């Protein structure tokens, strides 16, 4: 669960930064 959440968070942050 932690890994999945972290991955989603990373993708979301990446989209926000871009």
Protein backbone atom coordinates (compact mmCIF):
# COMPACT_ATOMS: atom_id res chain seq x y z
CA UNK A 1 0.00 0.00 0.00
CA UNK A 2 2.81 2.40 0.91
CA UNK A 3 4.61 1.71 -2.36
CA UNK A 4 1.47 2.26 -4.42
CA UNK A 5 0.67 5.48 -2.58
CA UNK A 6 4.22 6.75 -2.98
CA UNK A 7 4.20 5.97 -6.68
CA UNK A 8 0.88 7.77 -7.19
CA UNK A 9 2.16 10.71 -5.14
CA UNK A 10 5.30 10.91 -7.27
CA UNK A 11 3.29 10.87 -10.49
CA UNK A 12 0.89 13.50 -9.16
CA UNK A 13 3.71 15.76 -8.00
CA UNK A 14 5.48 15.27 -11.33
CA UNK A 15 2.35 16.37 -13.19
CA UNK A 16 1.92 19.39 -10.91
CA UNK A 17 5.56 20.46 -11.35
CA UNK A 18 5.28 20.17 -15.13
